[in-house]
Amino acid sequence: MNLELIGKDVEPSKMLKGRIENKLDKIERRLGQKLFVRVRLETEPNHRFSCGIHFQGAGHEYNANSTSDDLIKAADEALQKIERQVSKIQHRPESNRKAGATIRHALLNY
């Protein structure tokens, strides 16, 4: 996995980086392909932290943002959102995953 960890006014600790890598490795194994993941950590006014995660994989684009008073909590919330998105795509019925299926195609077959 290629991980790009960007910190704006924040220097992520080794523990946080390891935690993010560990959870993203699990997601990478579920998708079954090598991923390029961009994680953006930044501070916001009033001592709040923001974490944004973005990557493309398995024909879909995944994006999650979270804001919290704690940097680790913000990262965990964003990772949970990504996990839900991956799970939703993987458990979608096979008929909804057909490549090239459009609304027009569905209406013609109705």
N, C-alpha and C. Protein backbone atom coordinates (compact mmCIF):
# COMPACT_ATOMS: atom_id res chain seq x y z
N MET A 1 0.84 -1.17 0.00
CA MET A 1 0.00 0.00 0.00
C MET A 1 0.89 1.24 0.00
N ASN A 2 0.51 2.20 -0.80
CA ASN A 2 1.18 3.48 -0.80
C ASN A 2 0.35 4.43 0.04
N LEU A 3 0.93 4.95 1.10
CA LEU A 3 0.22 5.85 2.01
C LEU A 3 0.88 7.21 1.97
N GLU A 4 0.09 8.22 1.64
CA GLU A 4 0.56 9.60 1.67
C GLU A 4 -0.11 10.28 2.85
N LEU A 5 0.65 10.55 3.88
CA LEU A 5 0.15 11.16 5.11
C LEU A 5 0.55 12.62 5.13
N ILE A 6 -0.43 13.49 5.00
CA ILE A 6 -0.19 14.93 4.93
C ILE A 6 -0.66 15.55 6.24
N GLY A 7 0.20 16.27 6.91
CA GLY A 7 -0.15 16.96 8.14
C GLY A 7 -0.05 18.46 7.97
N LYS A 8 -1.17 19.14 8.09
CA LYS A 8 -1.18 20.59 7.98
C LYS A 8 -1.27 21.15 9.40
N ASP A 9 -0.19 21.76 9.86
CA ASP A 9 -0.07 22.27 11.23
C ASP A 9 -0.16 21.16 12.27
N VAL A 10 0.06 19.91 11.85
CA VAL A 10 0.02 18.76 12.75
C VAL A 10 1.14 17.82 12.36
N GLU A 11 1.86 17.31 13.32
CA GLU A 11 2.88 16.30 13.08
C GLU A 11 2.35 14.98 13.66
N PRO A 12 1.92 14.03 12.80
CA PRO A 12 1.37 12.78 13.32
C PRO A 12 2.43 11.95 14.03
N SER A 13 2.04 11.34 15.13
CA SER A 13 2.97 10.51 15.90
C SER A 13 3.14 9.17 15.20
N LYS A 14 4.18 8.42 15.61
CA LYS A 14 4.42 7.09 15.06
C LYS A 14 3.27 6.16 15.39
N MET A 15 2.71 6.32 16.58
CA MET A 15 1.59 5.47 17.00
C MET A 15 0.38 5.71 16.11
N LEU A 16 0.07 6.96 15.81
CA LEU A 16 -1.08 7.28 14.96
C LEU A 16 -0.84 6.78 13.54
N LYS A 17 0.35 6.98 13.03
CA LYS A 17 0.67 6.51 11.68
C LYS A 17 0.55 4.99 11.59
N GLY A 18 1.05 4.29 12.59
CA GLY A 18 0.95 2.83 12.63
C GLY A 18 -0.49 2.36 12.71
N ARG A 19 -1.29 3.07 13.49
CA ARG A 19 -2.71 2.72 13.65
C ARG A 19 -3.46 2.89 12.32
N ILE A 20 -3.19 3.99 11.62
CA ILE A 20 -3.83 4.24 10.33
C ILE A 20 -3.40 3.19 9.32
N GLU A 21 -2.10 2.88 9.27
CA GLU A 21 -1.58 1.89 8.34
C GLU A 21 -2.19 0.52 8.60
N ASN A 22 -2.32 0.14 9.87
CA ASN A 22 -2.87 -1.15 10.23
C ASN A 22 -4.31 -1.30 9.74
N LYS A 23 -5.13 -0.28 9.98
CA LYS A 23 -6.54 -0.36 9.56
C LYS A 23 -6.68 -0.31 8.05
N LEU A 24 -5.85 0.48 7.39
CA LEU A 24 -5.92 0.55 5.93
C LEU A 24 -5.39 -0.73 5.28
N ASP A 25 -4.46 -1.43 5.93
CA ASP A 25 -3.99 -2.72 5.42
C ASP A 25 -5.14 -3.73 5.39
N LYS A 26 -5.97 -3.71 6.43
CA LYS A 26 -7.12 -4.61 6.48
C LYS A 26 -8.09 -4.31 5.33
N ILE A 27 -8.31 -3.03 5.06
CA ILE A 27 -9.19 -2.64 3.96
C ILE A 27 -8.59 -3.05 2.63
N GLU A 28 -7.28 -2.89 2.50
CA GLU A 28 -6.60 -3.27 1.26
C GLU A 28 -6.74 -4.77 1.01
N ARG A 29 -6.64 -5.57 2.05
CA ARG A 29 -6.80 -7.02 1.91
C ARG A 29 -8.23 -7.37 1.48
N ARG A 30 -9.22 -6.64 2.02
CA ARG A 30 -10.61 -6.89 1.65
C ARG A 30 -10.87 -6.56 0.18
N LEU A 31 -10.25 -5.51 -0.32
CA LEU A 31 -10.45 -5.12 -1.71
C LEU A 31 -9.61 -5.95 -2.67
N GLY A 32 -8.52 -6.52 -2.17
CA GLY A 32 -7.70 -7.41 -2.98
C GLY A 32 -6.85 -6.73 -4.04
N GLN A 33 -6.46 -5.51 -3.80
CA GLN A 33 -5.58 -4.82 -4.74
C GLN A 33 -4.74 -3.80 -4.00
N LYS A 34 -3.64 -3.39 -4.65
CA LYS A 34 -2.74 -2.41 -4.06
C LYS A 34 -3.37 -1.03 -4.17
N LEU A 35 -3.38 -0.28 -3.07
CA LEU A 35 -4.05 1.01 -3.02
C LEU A 35 -3.05 2.15 -2.84
N PHE A 36 -3.42 3.31 -3.35
CA PHE A 36 -2.72 4.56 -3.07
C PHE A 36 -3.68 5.40 -2.25
N VAL A 37 -3.38 5.57 -0.96
CA VAL A 37 -4.29 6.24 -0.03
C VAL A 37 -3.69 7.57 0.39
N ARG A 38 -4.53 8.60 0.37
CA ARG A 38 -4.12 9.94 0.81
C ARG A 38 -4.88 10.26 2.10
N VAL A 39 -4.13 10.50 3.18
CA VAL A 39 -4.70 10.86 4.47
C VAL A 39 -4.24 12.27 4.80
N ARG A 40 -5.20 13.16 5.08
CA ARG A 40 -4.89 14.56 5.38
C ARG A 40 -5.32 14.87 6.82
N LEU A 41 -4.36 15.26 7.63
CA LEU A 41 -4.62 15.65 9.02
C LEU A 41 -4.38 17.15 9.14
N GLU A 42 -5.30 17.85 9.78
CA GLU A 42 -5.12 19.30 9.94
C GLU A 42 -5.82 19.79 11.20
N THR A 43 -5.39 20.95 11.64
CA THR A 43 -6.03 21.58 12.79
C THR A 43 -7.03 22.61 12.29
N GLU A 44 -8.09 22.77 13.04
CA GLU A 44 -9.12 23.75 12.74
C GLU A 44 -9.21 24.71 13.92
N PRO A 45 -9.92 25.81 13.75
CA PRO A 45 -10.07 26.75 14.87
C PRO A 45 -10.72 26.09 16.08
N ASN A 46 -10.53 26.67 17.25
CA ASN A 46 -11.09 26.18 18.52
C ASN A 46 -10.52 24.83 18.93
N HIS A 47 -9.24 24.57 18.59
CA HIS A 47 -8.52 23.36 19.03
C HIS A 47 -9.23 22.09 18.59
N ARG A 48 -9.67 22.04 17.35
CA ARG A 48 -10.30 20.84 16.79
C ARG A 48 -9.39 20.29 15.70
N PHE A 49 -9.51 19.00 15.47
CA PHE A 49 -8.69 18.32 14.46
C PHE A 49 -9.58 17.71 13.41
N SER A 50 -9.06 17.66 12.20
CA SER A 50 -9.80 17.10 11.08
C SER A 50 -8.95 16.03 10.41
N CYS A 51 -9.62 14.96 9.96
CA CYS A 51 -8.95 13.88 9.25
C CYS A 51 -9.76 13.57 8.00
N GLY A 52 -9.09 13.56 6.86
CA GLY A 52 -9.73 13.20 5.60
C GLY A 52 -8.98 12.07 4.93
N ILE A 53 -9.71 11.08 4.44
CA ILE A 53 -9.11 9.92 3.78
C ILE A 53 -9.72 9.80 2.39
N HIS A 54 -8.87 9.58 1.39
CA HIS A 54 -9.35 9.45 0.02
C HIS A 54 -8.53 8.41 -0.73
N PHE A 55 -9.23 7.52 -1.47
CA PHE A 55 -8.55 6.59 -2.37
C PHE A 55 -9.55 6.02 -3.35
N GLN A 56 -9.03 5.42 -4.41
CA GLN A 56 -9.84 4.74 -5.40
C GLN A 56 -9.44 3.28 -5.42
N GLY A 57 -10.45 2.41 -5.51
CA GLY A 57 -10.16 1.00 -5.56
C GLY A 57 -11.39 0.21 -5.94
N ALA A 58 -11.20 -0.90 -6.62
CA ALA A 58 -12.27 -1.80 -7.03
C ALA A 58 -13.34 -1.07 -7.83
N GLY A 59 -12.92 -0.09 -8.64
CA GLY A 59 -13.86 0.62 -9.49
C GLY A 59 -14.70 1.67 -8.78
N HIS A 60 -14.38 1.98 -7.55
CA HIS A 60 -15.14 2.96 -6.78
C HIS A 60 -14.18 3.96 -6.14
N GLU A 61 -14.73 5.10 -5.78
CA GLU A 61 -13.96 6.14 -5.11
C GLU A 61 -14.46 6.22 -3.67
N TYR A 62 -13.53 6.19 -2.73
CA TYR A 62 -13.86 6.23 -1.31
C TYR A 62 -13.33 7.53 -0.71
N ASN A 63 -14.18 8.20 0.07
CA ASN A 63 -13.81 9.48 0.65
C ASN A 63 -14.52 9.61 1.99
N ALA A 64 -13.78 10.00 3.03
CA ALA A 64 -14.37 10.20 4.35
C ALA A 64 -13.65 11.33 5.07
N ASN A 65 -14.42 12.15 5.77
CA ASN A 65 -13.88 13.25 6.57
C ASN A 65 -14.49 13.18 7.95
N SER A 66 -13.70 13.56 8.93
CA SER A 66 -14.19 13.57 10.30
C SER A 66 -13.49 14.69 11.07
N THR A 67 -14.21 15.27 12.04
CA THR A 67 -13.68 16.33 12.87
C THR A 67 -13.96 15.99 14.33
N SER A 68 -12.96 16.22 15.19
CA SER A 68 -13.12 15.92 16.61
C SER A 68 -12.14 16.75 17.42
N ASP A 69 -12.31 16.71 18.76
CA ASP A 69 -11.40 17.41 19.66
C ASP A 69 -10.06 16.68 19.79
N ASP A 70 -10.05 15.38 19.44
CA ASP A 70 -8.85 14.55 19.57
C ASP A 70 -8.45 14.05 18.18
N LEU A 71 -7.19 14.13 17.85
CA LEU A 71 -6.70 13.73 16.53
C LEU A 71 -6.91 12.24 16.28
N ILE A 72 -6.64 11.41 17.28
CA ILE A 72 -6.81 9.96 17.13
C ILE A 72 -8.28 9.61 16.92
N LYS A 73 -9.15 10.27 17.65
CA LYS A 73 -10.59 10.02 17.51
C LYS A 73 -11.08 10.43 16.12
N ALA A 74 -10.60 11.55 15.60
CA ALA A 74 -10.97 11.99 14.26
C ALA A 74 -10.51 10.98 13.22
N ALA A 75 -9.29 10.46 13.36
CA ALA A 75 -8.78 9.46 12.42
C ALA A 75 -9.59 8.17 12.50
N ASP A 76 -9.91 7.72 13.70
CA ASP A 76 -10.70 6.50 13.86
C ASP A 76 -12.09 6.64 13.25
N GLU A 77 -12.72 7.80 13.44
CA GLU A 77 -14.06 8.02 12.87
C GLU A 77 -14.01 8.00 11.34
N ALA A 78 -12.99 8.61 10.76
CA ALA A 78 -12.85 8.61 9.30
C ALA A 78 -12.60 7.19 8.79
N LEU A 79 -11.79 6.41 9.50
CA LEU A 79 -11.53 5.03 9.10
C LEU A 79 -12.79 4.18 9.20
N GLN A 80 -13.61 4.42 10.21
CA GLN A 80 -14.88 3.69 10.34
C GLN A 80 -15.81 4.01 9.17
N LYS A 81 -15.82 5.27 8.75
CA LYS A 81 -16.65 5.64 7.60
C LYS A 81 -16.18 4.93 6.33
N ILE A 82 -14.86 4.84 6.15
CA ILE A 82 -14.31 4.13 5.00
C ILE A 82 -14.68 2.66 5.06
N GLU A 83 -14.58 2.04 6.23
CA GLU A 83 -14.92 0.63 6.39
C GLU A 83 -16.39 0.38 6.03
N ARG A 84 -17.27 1.30 6.44
CA ARG A 84 -18.69 1.16 6.10
C ARG A 84 -18.91 1.26 4.59
N GLN A 85 -18.20 2.18 3.94
CA GLN A 85 -18.33 2.32 2.49
C GLN A 85 -17.87 1.05 1.76
N VAL A 86 -16.75 0.51 2.19
CA VAL A 86 -16.22 -0.72 1.57
C VAL A 86 -17.20 -1.87 1.79
N SER A 87 -17.71 -1.99 3.00
CA SER A 87 -18.65 -3.06 3.31
C SER A 87 -19.93 -2.93 2.48
N LYS A 88 -20.40 -1.72 2.33
CA LYS A 88 -21.62 -1.47 1.56
C LYS A 88 -21.43 -1.88 0.10
N ILE A 89 -20.29 -1.56 -0.47
CA ILE A 89 -20.01 -1.92 -1.87
C ILE A 89 -19.86 -3.44 -2.00
N GLN A 90 -19.19 -4.08 -1.06
CA GLN A 90 -18.96 -5.52 -1.16
C GLN A 90 -20.23 -6.33 -0.96
N HIS A 91 -21.17 -5.83 -0.19
CA HIS A 91 -22.39 -6.58 0.09
C HIS A 91 -23.56 -6.17 -0.81
N ARG A 92 -23.30 -5.31 -1.77
CA ARG A 92 -24.33 -4.91 -2.72
C ARG A 92 -24.67 -6.12 -3.58
N PRO A 93 -25.94 -6.32 -3.87
CA PRO A 93 -26.30 -7.47 -4.71
C PRO A 93 -25.59 -7.44 -6.06
N GLU A 94 -25.35 -8.62 -6.60
CA GLU A 94 -24.62 -8.75 -7.85
C GLU A 94 -25.30 -7.99 -8.99
N SER A 95 -26.62 -7.94 -8.99
CA SER A 95 -27.34 -7.27 -10.08
C SER A 95 -27.08 -5.77 -10.09
N ASN A 96 -26.79 -5.18 -8.95
CA ASN A 96 -26.52 -3.75 -8.88
C ASN A 96 -25.08 -3.40 -9.22
N ARG A 97 -24.20 -4.41 -9.35
CA ARG A 97 -22.79 -4.16 -9.61
C ARG A 97 -22.40 -4.34 -11.07
N LYS A 98 -23.34 -4.60 -11.93
CA LYS A 98 -23.00 -4.84 -13.33
C LYS A 98 -22.33 -3.62 -13.94
N ALA A 99 -21.24 -3.86 -14.60
CA ALA A 99 -20.53 -2.76 -15.25
C ALA A 99 -21.30 -2.35 -16.50
N GLY A 100 -21.47 -1.07 -16.69
CA GLY A 100 -22.13 -0.57 -17.88
C GLY A 100 -23.64 -0.51 -17.77
N ALA A 101 -24.21 -0.98 -16.68
CA ALA A 101 -25.66 -0.91 -16.52
C ALA A 101 -26.05 0.53 -16.23
N THR A 102 -27.00 1.04 -16.98
CA THR A 102 -27.44 2.42 -16.81
C THR A 102 -28.93 2.44 -16.50
N ILE A 103 -29.43 3.61 -16.17
CA ILE A 103 -30.86 3.74 -15.90
C ILE A 103 -31.64 3.43 -17.17
N ARG A 104 -31.14 3.89 -18.31
CA ARG A 104 -31.81 3.62 -19.57
C ARG A 104 -31.90 2.12 -19.82
N HIS A 105 -30.83 1.40 -19.56
CA HIS A 105 -30.81 -0.05 -19.74
C HIS A 105 -31.83 -0.71 -18.80
N ALA A 106 -31.91 -0.24 -17.55
CA ALA A 106 -32.85 -0.81 -16.60
C ALA A 106 -34.29 -0.55 -17.03
N LEU A 107 -34.57 0.63 -17.57
CA LEU A 107 -35.93 0.97 -18.00
C LEU A 107 -36.35 0.17 -19.24
N LEU A 108 -35.42 -0.10 -20.14
CA LEU A 108 -35.74 -0.88 -21.33
C LEU A 108 -36.07 -2.32 -20.98
N ASN A 109 -35.45 -2.85 -19.94
CA ASN A 109 -35.70 -4.23 -19.53
C ASN A 109 -36.88 -4.35 -18.59
N TYR A 110 -37.43 -3.26 -18.18
CA TYR A 110 -38.57 -3.27 -17.24
C TYR A 110 -39.79 -3.56 -17.99
